[in-house]
Amino acid sequence: LAMEERDMPCCVRGYHVYKDIWEAVIGEELVCDREPNNPRDRYAVAVIKHGIIIGHLPRKMSKICSLFLRRGGCICCRVTGARRHSADLPQGGLEIPCSLLFKAKAKEIRKLKQCLKL
């Protein structure tokens, strides 16, 4: 079956927590994976570099992304900008702008587009 790709802008949340172990580099490619044992969000999707969690996808996207990964999709995260303050979080925090590249069978990409209204 044919594989398809779709990308969209996003961000890596929690940089203020992980900045001591990761310095973001524009163009850097990271892996996204489900983190079902996360105590704050059972649909959490961790952003990983060399096997170490260095952030998470925003909670508003985690359920859709977690399901996409569970159904055999792959998500690559490419850093696109310098750290910035999280504008939509009342508690603040730092995030890293990125582009998510979704790869999966065409059927899963169609479902993703519907869920994310792309």
N, C-alpha and C. Protein backbone atom coordinates (compact mmCIF):
# COMPACT_ATOMS: atom_id res chain seq x y z
N LEU A 1 0.84 -1.20 0.00
CA LEU A 1 0.00 0.00 0.00
C LEU A 1 0.87 1.25 0.00
N ALA A 2 0.39 2.27 -0.68
CA ALA A 2 1.15 3.51 -0.81
C ALA A 2 1.20 4.28 0.51
N MET A 3 2.36 4.84 0.80
CA MET A 3 2.52 5.69 1.98
C MET A 3 2.37 7.14 1.54
N GLU A 4 1.80 7.93 2.42
CA GLU A 4 1.66 9.36 2.15
C GLU A 4 2.26 10.14 3.30
N GLU A 5 2.52 11.42 3.02
CA GLU A 5 3.07 12.32 4.04
C GLU A 5 2.23 13.58 4.11
N ARG A 6 2.22 14.18 5.27
CA ARG A 6 1.54 15.46 5.48
C ARG A 6 2.30 16.20 6.56
N ASP A 7 2.58 17.47 6.35
CA ASP A 7 3.26 18.21 7.42
C ASP A 7 2.41 19.38 7.88
N MET A 8 2.68 19.83 9.09
CA MET A 8 1.96 20.97 9.66
C MET A 8 2.82 21.63 10.73
N PRO A 9 2.65 22.94 10.90
CA PRO A 9 3.39 23.63 11.96
C PRO A 9 2.88 23.24 13.33
N CYS A 10 3.79 23.23 14.30
CA CYS A 10 3.42 22.87 15.67
C CYS A 10 4.50 23.43 16.59
N CYS A 11 4.64 22.85 17.78
CA CYS A 11 5.70 23.24 18.69
C CYS A 11 6.01 22.10 19.65
N VAL A 12 7.21 22.14 20.21
CA VAL A 12 7.61 21.21 21.27
C VAL A 12 7.41 21.96 22.58
N ARG A 13 6.55 21.44 23.43
CA ARG A 13 6.27 22.08 24.72
C ARG A 13 7.22 21.57 25.80
N GLY A 14 7.40 22.37 26.81
CA GLY A 14 8.18 21.96 27.98
C GLY A 14 9.66 22.23 27.88
N TYR A 15 10.08 23.11 26.98
CA TYR A 15 11.51 23.38 26.83
C TYR A 15 12.12 23.87 28.14
N HIS A 16 11.34 24.63 28.92
CA HIS A 16 11.85 25.14 30.20
C HIS A 16 12.23 24.00 31.14
N VAL A 17 11.63 22.83 30.98
CA VAL A 17 11.93 21.66 31.82
C VAL A 17 13.18 20.93 31.31
N TYR A 18 13.34 20.87 29.99
CA TYR A 18 14.38 20.04 29.39
C TYR A 18 15.59 20.82 28.87
N LYS A 19 15.62 22.14 29.05
CA LYS A 19 16.68 22.95 28.42
C LYS A 19 18.09 22.61 28.91
N ASP A 20 18.19 22.00 30.10
CA ASP A 20 19.51 21.63 30.60
C ASP A 20 20.09 20.40 29.90
N ILE A 21 19.23 19.61 29.24
CA ILE A 21 19.72 18.41 28.56
C ILE A 21 19.59 18.51 27.03
N TRP A 22 18.97 19.61 26.53
CA TRP A 22 18.78 19.73 25.09
C TRP A 22 18.84 21.20 24.67
N GLU A 23 19.69 21.46 23.69
CA GLU A 23 19.74 22.78 23.07
C GLU A 23 19.20 22.61 21.66
N ALA A 24 18.05 23.23 21.38
CA ALA A 24 17.40 23.07 20.08
C ALA A 24 18.24 23.68 18.97
N VAL A 25 18.32 22.96 17.86
CA VAL A 25 19.06 23.41 16.68
C VAL A 25 18.08 23.43 15.50
N ILE A 26 17.96 24.57 14.82
CA ILE A 26 17.05 24.67 13.68
C ILE A 26 17.45 23.64 12.63
N GLY A 27 16.47 22.90 12.14
CA GLY A 27 16.70 21.85 11.15
C GLY A 27 16.85 20.47 11.77
N GLU A 28 17.04 20.41 13.08
CA GLU A 28 17.20 19.14 13.79
C GLU A 28 15.92 18.30 13.66
N GLU A 29 16.09 17.00 13.44
CA GLU A 29 14.95 16.10 13.32
C GLU A 29 14.86 15.20 14.54
N LEU A 30 13.67 15.14 15.11
CA LEU A 30 13.42 14.38 16.34
C LEU A 30 12.30 13.38 16.10
N VAL A 31 12.19 12.42 16.98
CA VAL A 31 11.19 11.36 16.87
C VAL A 31 10.06 11.64 17.85
N CYS A 32 8.83 11.32 17.47
CA CYS A 32 7.68 11.43 18.37
C CYS A 32 7.18 10.02 18.67
N ASP A 33 6.84 9.80 19.95
CA ASP A 33 6.32 8.50 20.33
C ASP A 33 5.32 8.67 21.47
N ARG A 34 4.39 7.73 21.55
CA ARG A 34 3.37 7.75 22.59
C ARG A 34 4.02 7.57 23.96
N GLU A 35 3.43 8.21 24.96
CA GLU A 35 3.88 8.07 26.35
C GLU A 35 2.64 7.75 27.20
N PRO A 36 2.08 6.54 27.05
CA PRO A 36 0.80 6.22 27.70
C PRO A 36 0.83 6.22 29.22
N ASN A 37 2.02 6.13 29.82
CA ASN A 37 2.12 6.14 31.29
C ASN A 37 2.35 7.53 31.86
N ASN A 38 2.22 8.56 31.04
CA ASN A 38 2.39 9.93 31.51
C ASN A 38 1.27 10.24 32.51
N PRO A 39 1.61 10.66 33.75
CA PRO A 39 0.58 10.88 34.77
C PRO A 39 -0.33 12.08 34.49
N ARG A 40 0.11 13.01 33.64
CA ARG A 40 -0.69 14.21 33.36
C ARG A 40 -1.59 14.07 32.15
N ASP A 41 -1.23 13.17 31.22
CA ASP A 41 -1.98 13.03 29.98
C ASP A 41 -1.74 11.64 29.41
N ARG A 42 -2.76 10.78 29.49
CA ARG A 42 -2.56 9.40 29.01
C ARG A 42 -2.39 9.34 27.50
N TYR A 43 -2.69 10.43 26.80
CA TYR A 43 -2.49 10.49 25.35
C TYR A 43 -1.21 11.25 24.99
N ALA A 44 -0.37 11.52 25.97
CA ALA A 44 0.84 12.32 25.75
C ALA A 44 1.69 11.73 24.63
N VAL A 45 2.27 12.64 23.83
CA VAL A 45 3.22 12.25 22.80
C VAL A 45 4.54 12.96 23.11
N ALA A 46 5.54 12.14 23.42
CA ALA A 46 6.86 12.67 23.77
C ALA A 46 7.67 12.94 22.51
N VAL A 47 8.51 13.97 22.58
CA VAL A 47 9.48 14.27 21.53
C VAL A 47 10.82 13.77 22.06
N ILE A 48 11.50 12.96 21.25
CA ILE A 48 12.66 12.20 21.74
C ILE A 48 13.89 12.44 20.87
N LYS A 49 15.04 12.58 21.56
CA LYS A 49 16.33 12.70 20.88
C LYS A 49 17.26 11.66 21.49
N HIS A 50 17.79 10.78 20.68
CA HIS A 50 18.70 9.72 21.15
C HIS A 50 18.12 8.96 22.34
N GLY A 51 16.83 8.64 22.28
CA GLY A 51 16.20 7.84 23.32
C GLY A 51 15.81 8.60 24.58
N ILE A 52 16.03 9.92 24.60
CA ILE A 52 15.73 10.73 25.79
C ILE A 52 14.61 11.70 25.48
N ILE A 53 13.60 11.78 26.35
CA ILE A 53 12.50 12.73 26.17
C ILE A 53 13.02 14.14 26.38
N ILE A 54 12.74 15.01 25.40
CA ILE A 54 13.20 16.41 25.50
C ILE A 54 12.02 17.38 25.36
N GLY A 55 10.79 16.88 25.40
CA GLY A 55 9.61 17.73 25.32
C GLY A 55 8.40 16.90 24.93
N HIS A 56 7.28 17.59 24.73
CA HIS A 56 6.03 16.93 24.36
C HIS A 56 5.28 17.76 23.32
N LEU A 57 4.43 17.11 22.55
CA LEU A 57 3.54 17.84 21.66
C LEU A 57 2.45 18.49 22.52
N PRO A 58 1.85 19.59 22.05
CA PRO A 58 0.81 20.26 22.82
C PRO A 58 -0.35 19.32 23.15
N ARG A 59 -0.91 19.48 24.33
CA ARG A 59 -2.00 18.62 24.79
C ARG A 59 -3.18 18.64 23.82
N LYS A 60 -3.45 19.81 23.21
CA LYS A 60 -4.61 19.90 22.30
C LYS A 60 -4.45 19.00 21.08
N MET A 61 -3.22 18.53 20.80
CA MET A 61 -2.98 17.64 19.65
C MET A 61 -2.66 16.22 20.07
N SER A 62 -2.42 16.01 21.36
CA SER A 62 -1.87 14.72 21.79
C SER A 62 -2.80 13.54 21.52
N LYS A 63 -4.10 13.70 21.69
CA LYS A 63 -5.02 12.58 21.49
C LYS A 63 -5.00 12.12 20.03
N ILE A 64 -5.09 13.07 19.10
CA ILE A 64 -5.08 12.74 17.67
C ILE A 64 -3.74 12.12 17.28
N CYS A 65 -2.64 12.72 17.76
CA CYS A 65 -1.31 12.20 17.41
C CYS A 65 -1.07 10.83 18.02
N SER A 66 -1.51 10.62 19.25
CA SER A 66 -1.34 9.33 19.91
C SER A 66 -2.08 8.23 19.14
N LEU A 67 -3.30 8.53 18.73
CA LEU A 67 -4.09 7.56 17.96
C LEU A 67 -3.42 7.27 16.61
N PHE A 68 -2.92 8.33 15.96
CA PHE A 68 -2.23 8.18 14.68
C PHE A 68 -1.03 7.23 14.84
N LEU A 69 -0.25 7.42 15.90
CA LEU A 69 0.91 6.56 16.15
C LEU A 69 0.47 5.13 16.47
N ARG A 70 -0.58 5.00 17.27
CA ARG A 70 -1.08 3.68 17.64
C ARG A 70 -1.56 2.89 16.42
N ARG A 71 -2.04 3.60 15.41
CA ARG A 71 -2.55 2.94 14.20
C ARG A 71 -1.45 2.72 13.16
N GLY A 72 -0.19 2.85 13.58
CA GLY A 72 0.93 2.52 12.70
C GLY A 72 1.57 3.68 11.98
N GLY A 73 1.11 4.90 12.26
CA GLY A 73 1.72 6.07 11.64
C GLY A 73 3.05 6.43 12.28
N CYS A 74 3.76 7.32 11.65
CA CYS A 74 5.06 7.79 12.14
C CYS A 74 5.02 9.32 12.14
N ILE A 75 5.55 9.94 13.19
CA ILE A 75 5.61 11.41 13.25
C ILE A 75 7.05 11.83 13.50
N CYS A 76 7.56 12.65 12.59
CA CYS A 76 8.89 13.23 12.72
C CYS A 76 8.71 14.71 13.06
N CYS A 77 9.53 15.21 13.95
CA CYS A 77 9.45 16.61 14.38
C CYS A 77 10.73 17.33 13.95
N ARG A 78 10.58 18.39 13.14
CA ARG A 78 11.74 19.16 12.68
C ARG A 78 11.71 20.55 13.31
N VAL A 79 12.77 20.91 14.02
CA VAL A 79 12.85 22.22 14.66
C VAL A 79 12.91 23.30 13.59
N THR A 80 12.04 24.34 13.73
CA THR A 80 11.99 25.40 12.71
C THR A 80 12.31 26.79 13.24
N GLY A 81 12.49 26.94 14.56
CA GLY A 81 12.74 28.27 15.10
C GLY A 81 13.34 28.24 16.48
N ALA A 82 13.63 29.43 17.00
CA ALA A 82 14.22 29.57 18.33
C ALA A 82 13.14 29.49 19.41
N ARG A 83 13.56 29.21 20.62
CA ARG A 83 12.61 29.10 21.73
C ARG A 83 11.79 30.37 21.88
N ARG A 84 10.59 30.20 22.39
CA ARG A 84 9.68 31.33 22.59
C ARG A 84 8.79 31.00 23.79
N HIS A 85 8.16 32.02 24.33
CA HIS A 85 7.22 31.79 25.43
C HIS A 85 5.91 31.23 24.87
N SER A 86 5.31 30.31 25.61
CA SER A 86 4.05 29.70 25.21
C SER A 86 2.93 30.70 25.42
N ALA A 87 2.44 31.27 24.34
CA ALA A 87 1.44 32.34 24.42
C ALA A 87 0.08 31.87 24.92
N ASP A 88 -0.30 30.62 24.62
CA ASP A 88 -1.64 30.17 24.97
C ASP A 88 -1.71 29.39 26.29
N LEU A 89 -0.63 29.39 27.05
CA LEU A 89 -0.64 28.71 28.35
C LEU A 89 -0.62 29.75 29.47
N PRO A 90 -1.65 29.76 30.33
CA PRO A 90 -1.68 30.74 31.42
C PRO A 90 -0.48 30.63 32.34
N GLN A 91 0.05 29.42 32.52
CA GLN A 91 1.19 29.24 33.42
C GLN A 91 2.52 29.58 32.77
N GLY A 92 2.49 29.90 31.49
CA GLY A 92 3.72 30.27 30.78
C GLY A 92 4.48 29.04 30.32
N GLY A 93 5.79 29.15 30.30
CA GLY A 93 6.64 28.06 29.84
C GLY A 93 7.27 28.42 28.51
N LEU A 94 8.22 27.60 28.11
CA LEU A 94 8.93 27.82 26.85
C LEU A 94 8.62 26.68 25.88
N GLU A 95 8.56 27.03 24.60
CA GLU A 95 8.32 26.03 23.57
C GLU A 95 9.25 26.29 22.39
N ILE A 96 9.42 25.27 21.57
CA ILE A 96 10.26 25.35 20.38
C ILE A 96 9.38 25.16 19.15
N PRO A 97 9.34 26.13 18.23
CA PRO A 97 8.57 25.96 16.99
C PRO A 97 9.10 24.77 16.17
N CYS A 98 8.19 24.03 15.58
CA CYS A 98 8.61 22.89 14.78
C CYS A 98 7.60 22.62 13.68
N SER A 99 7.97 21.70 12.83
CA SER A 99 7.06 21.20 11.80
C SER A 99 6.95 19.70 12.03
N LEU A 100 5.72 19.21 12.07
CA LEU A 100 5.50 17.78 12.23
C LEU A 100 5.28 17.15 10.87
N LEU A 101 5.97 16.07 10.60
CA LEU A 101 5.80 15.33 9.35
C LEU A 101 5.15 14.00 9.70
N PHE A 102 3.91 13.83 9.24
CA PHE A 102 3.14 12.61 9.47
C PHE A 102 3.33 11.68 8.28
N LYS A 103 3.67 10.42 8.53
CA LYS A 103 3.83 9.42 7.47
C LYS A 103 2.96 8.22 7.81
N ALA A 104 2.18 7.76 6.85
CA ALA A 104 1.31 6.60 7.07
C ALA A 104 0.70 6.17 5.74
N LYS A 105 -0.09 5.11 5.81
CA LYS A 105 -0.86 4.69 4.64
C LYS A 105 -1.86 5.79 4.32
N ALA A 106 -2.23 5.89 3.06
CA ALA A 106 -3.10 6.97 2.58
C ALA A 106 -4.38 7.08 3.42
N LYS A 107 -4.96 5.94 3.79
CA LYS A 107 -6.20 5.94 4.57
C LYS A 107 -6.02 6.66 5.91
N GLU A 108 -4.88 6.43 6.57
CA GLU A 108 -4.62 7.06 7.87
C GLU A 108 -4.36 8.57 7.71
N ILE A 109 -3.72 8.96 6.63
CA ILE A 109 -3.49 10.38 6.36
C ILE A 109 -4.83 11.08 6.12
N ARG A 110 -5.74 10.43 5.41
CA ARG A 110 -7.07 11.02 5.19
C ARG A 110 -7.80 11.22 6.52
N LYS A 111 -7.73 10.23 7.40
CA LYS A 111 -8.36 10.36 8.73
C LYS A 111 -7.73 11.49 9.52
N LEU A 112 -6.40 11.60 9.44
CA LEU A 112 -5.69 12.66 10.14
C LEU A 112 -6.14 14.03 9.66
N LYS A 113 -6.24 14.20 8.34
CA LYS A 113 -6.68 15.47 7.77
C LYS A 113 -8.06 15.85 8.27
N GLN A 114 -8.96 14.86 8.36
CA GLN A 114 -10.32 15.12 8.87
C GLN A 114 -10.27 15.54 10.33
N CYS A 115 -9.51 14.84 11.14
CA CYS A 115 -9.43 15.14 12.56
C CYS A 115 -8.82 16.52 12.83
N LEU A 116 -7.80 16.85 12.05
CA LEU A 116 -7.11 18.13 12.25
C LEU A 116 -7.68 19.24 11.37
N LYS A 117 -8.67 18.90 10.56
CA LYS A 117 -9.32 19.84 9.64
C LYS A 117 -8.31 20.53 8.74
N LEU A 118 -7.42 19.72 8.15
CA LEU A 118 -6.39 20.25 7.25
C LEU A 118 -6.91 20.36 5.84
